[in-house]
């Protein structure tokens, strides 16, 4: 079964998103459902679906003109290793509202290789990376 990536907020499974972020992620452990709902409401969100089941997520905070911050990226553990993360990140950078941005930033402790495949590079040693487009002013 092929995955589908959608930015339709009505399809997001907030229970899945909240459970992963609050219980399994290293960056948002303990985040309340209220905060998760607020982040969803104020972001461009990408759901990854196998049929109707949500198996992954990413969200982008942006001015949609020059800058974006990619955050809360995950694929559920049982679905990792199938290329879904790579497909998700590529869908984010290819999204029409984000394609012309000069910079997309993110922070990661352990997934540098994943993001490098989509053009992200290290900004400073360790955690921060960006995807820089010198053709955009």
Protein backbone atom coordinates (compact mmCIF):
# COMPACT_ATOMS: atom_id res chain seq x y z
CA UNK A 1 0.00 0.00 0.00
CA UNK A 2 1.36 3.41 -0.95
CA UNK A 3 1.45 6.26 1.50
CA UNK A 4 -0.42 9.48 0.98
CA UNK A 5 0.75 12.85 2.27
CA UNK A 6 -1.93 15.45 2.87
CA UNK A 7 -2.06 18.98 4.26
CA UNK A 8 -5.81 18.73 4.95
CA UNK A 9 -6.15 19.64 8.65
CA UNK A 10 -9.44 17.74 8.87
CA UNK A 11 -7.59 14.46 8.29
CA UNK A 12 -5.10 14.90 11.13
CA UNK A 13 -5.43 12.41 13.97
CA UNK A 14 -4.69 14.65 16.93
CA UNK A 15 -4.65 11.64 19.27
CA UNK A 16 -1.80 10.03 17.30
CA UNK A 17 0.11 13.31 17.05
CA UNK A 18 -0.29 14.17 20.72
CA UNK A 19 0.56 10.67 21.93
CA UNK A 20 3.77 10.53 19.88
CA UNK A 21 4.95 14.02 20.77
CA UNK A 22 4.08 13.80 24.48
CA UNK A 23 5.20 10.21 25.09
CA UNK A 24 7.75 9.16 22.47
CA UNK A 25 9.58 12.21 21.15
CA UNK A 26 12.70 13.57 22.83
CA UNK A 27 11.85 17.18 21.92
CA UNK A 28 8.23 17.50 23.06
CA UNK A 29 7.87 14.99 25.89
CA UNK A 30 5.05 16.07 28.16
CA UNK A 31 3.55 18.54 25.68
CA UNK A 32 -0.14 18.98 26.48
CA UNK A 33 -2.90 18.22 24.05
CA UNK A 34 -3.97 21.88 24.21
CA UNK A 35 -0.52 22.99 23.06
CA UNK A 36 -0.49 20.37 20.29
CA UNK A 37 -3.88 21.60 19.08
CA UNK A 38 -2.63 25.20 19.09
CA UNK A 39 0.50 24.28 17.11
CA UNK A 40 -1.66 22.51 14.54
CA UNK A 41 -3.99 25.51 14.23
CA UNK A 42 -1.10 27.89 13.53
CA UNK A 43 1.01 25.73 11.22
CA UNK A 44 1.00 24.11 7.80
CA UNK A 45 0.71 20.45 8.79
CA UNK A 46 1.57 17.36 6.78
CA UNK A 47 -0.01 14.03 7.65
CA UNK A 48 1.37 10.74 6.36
CA UNK A 49 -1.32 8.11 5.79
CA UNK A 50 -1.56 4.43 4.99
CA UNK A 51 -5.19 4.22 3.99
CA UNK A 52 -7.01 6.12 6.71
CA UNK A 53 -4.36 5.47 9.38
CA UNK A 54 -2.01 8.33 10.18
CA UNK A 55 1.56 7.01 10.50
CA UNK A 56 3.57 10.23 10.37
CA UNK A 57 3.50 13.98 10.72
CA UNK A 58 5.41 17.20 10.20
CA UNK A 59 4.50 20.83 10.64
CA UNK A 60 5.88 24.05 9.25
CA UNK A 61 5.72 27.53 10.75
CA UNK A 62 6.29 30.16 8.09
CA UNK A 63 5.67 33.63 6.76
CA UNK A 64 5.29 31.94 3.34
CA UNK A 65 7.56 34.59 1.83
CA UNK A 66 11.13 34.11 3.06
CA UNK A 67 11.39 31.76 6.05
CA UNK A 68 10.07 28.55 7.54
CA UNK A 69 10.75 26.37 10.56
CA UNK A 70 10.20 22.62 10.15
CA UNK A 71 9.17 20.95 13.40
CA UNK A 72 7.62 17.91 15.05
CA UNK A 73 8.62 15.50 12.29
CA UNK A 74 7.97 11.84 12.99
CA UNK A 75 7.09 8.49 11.52
CA UNK A 76 5.62 6.01 14.00
CA UNK A 77 8.24 3.47 15.06
CA UNK A 78 6.55 0.46 13.46
CA UNK A 79 6.58 2.21 10.05
CA UNK A 80 10.19 3.42 10.03
CA UNK A 81 12.74 2.10 7.58
CA UNK A 82 10.37 2.17 4.61
CA UNK A 83 11.34 5.57 3.15
CA UNK A 84 8.28 7.36 4.52
CA UNK A 85 10.37 9.99 6.33
CA UNK A 86 12.31 10.80 3.17
CA UNK A 87 9.06 11.08 1.20
CA UNK A 88 7.56 13.32 3.90
CA UNK A 89 10.53 15.73 3.95
CA UNK A 90 10.55 15.92 0.16
CA UNK A 91 6.82 16.70 0.19
CA UNK A 92 7.49 19.54 2.62
CA UNK A 93 10.26 21.15 0.56
CA UNK A 94 8.27 20.64 -2.67
CA UNK A 95 5.04 22.15 -1.30
CA UNK A 96 3.98 25.10 -3.51
CA UNK A 97 3.73 27.51 -0.56
CA UNK A 98 7.26 26.65 0.60
CA UNK A 99 9.19 26.08 -2.63
CA UNK A 100 10.24 29.72 -3.08
CA UNK A 101 11.47 30.32 0.45
CA UNK A 102 15.02 31.49 1.00
CA UNK A 103 15.49 29.48 4.22
CA UNK A 104 13.92 26.51 5.92
CA UNK A 105 15.38 25.78 9.35
CA UNK A 106 15.05 22.77 11.62
CA UNK A 107 16.71 21.27 14.66
CA UNK A 108 17.56 17.60 15.11
CA UNK A 109 19.78 15.50 17.33
CA UNK A 110 19.66 12.28 15.35
CA UNK A 111 18.26 12.59 11.81
CA UNK A 112 20.86 14.69 9.98
CA UNK A 113 21.22 12.12 7.19
CA UNK A 114 17.51 12.17 6.47
CA UNK A 115 17.41 15.94 6.04
CA UNK A 116 20.65 16.07 4.05
CA UNK A 117 18.94 13.97 1.37
CA UNK A 118 16.59 16.91 0.75
CA UNK A 119 19.27 19.58 0.64
CA UNK A 120 19.60 20.61 4.29
CA UNK A 121 23.09 21.42 5.53
CA UNK A 122 24.63 22.05 8.95
CA UNK A 123 24.52 25.66 10.12
CA UNK A 124 26.52 25.09 13.28
CA UNK A 125 28.09 21.86 14.53
CA UNK A 126 25.57 19.55 16.10
CA UNK A 127 21.93 20.37 16.08
CA UNK A 128 20.91 23.17 13.72
CA UNK A 129 20.54 22.73 9.98
CA UNK A 130 19.05 24.80 7.19
CA UNK A 131 18.07 24.45 3.58
CA UNK A 132 19.34 27.58 1.83
CA UNK A 133 18.27 28.70 -1.64
CA UNK A 134 20.71 31.29 -2.99
CA UNK A 135 18.48 31.92 -6.03
CA UNK A 136 15.79 33.54 -3.88
CA UNK A 137 16.19 37.09 -2.58
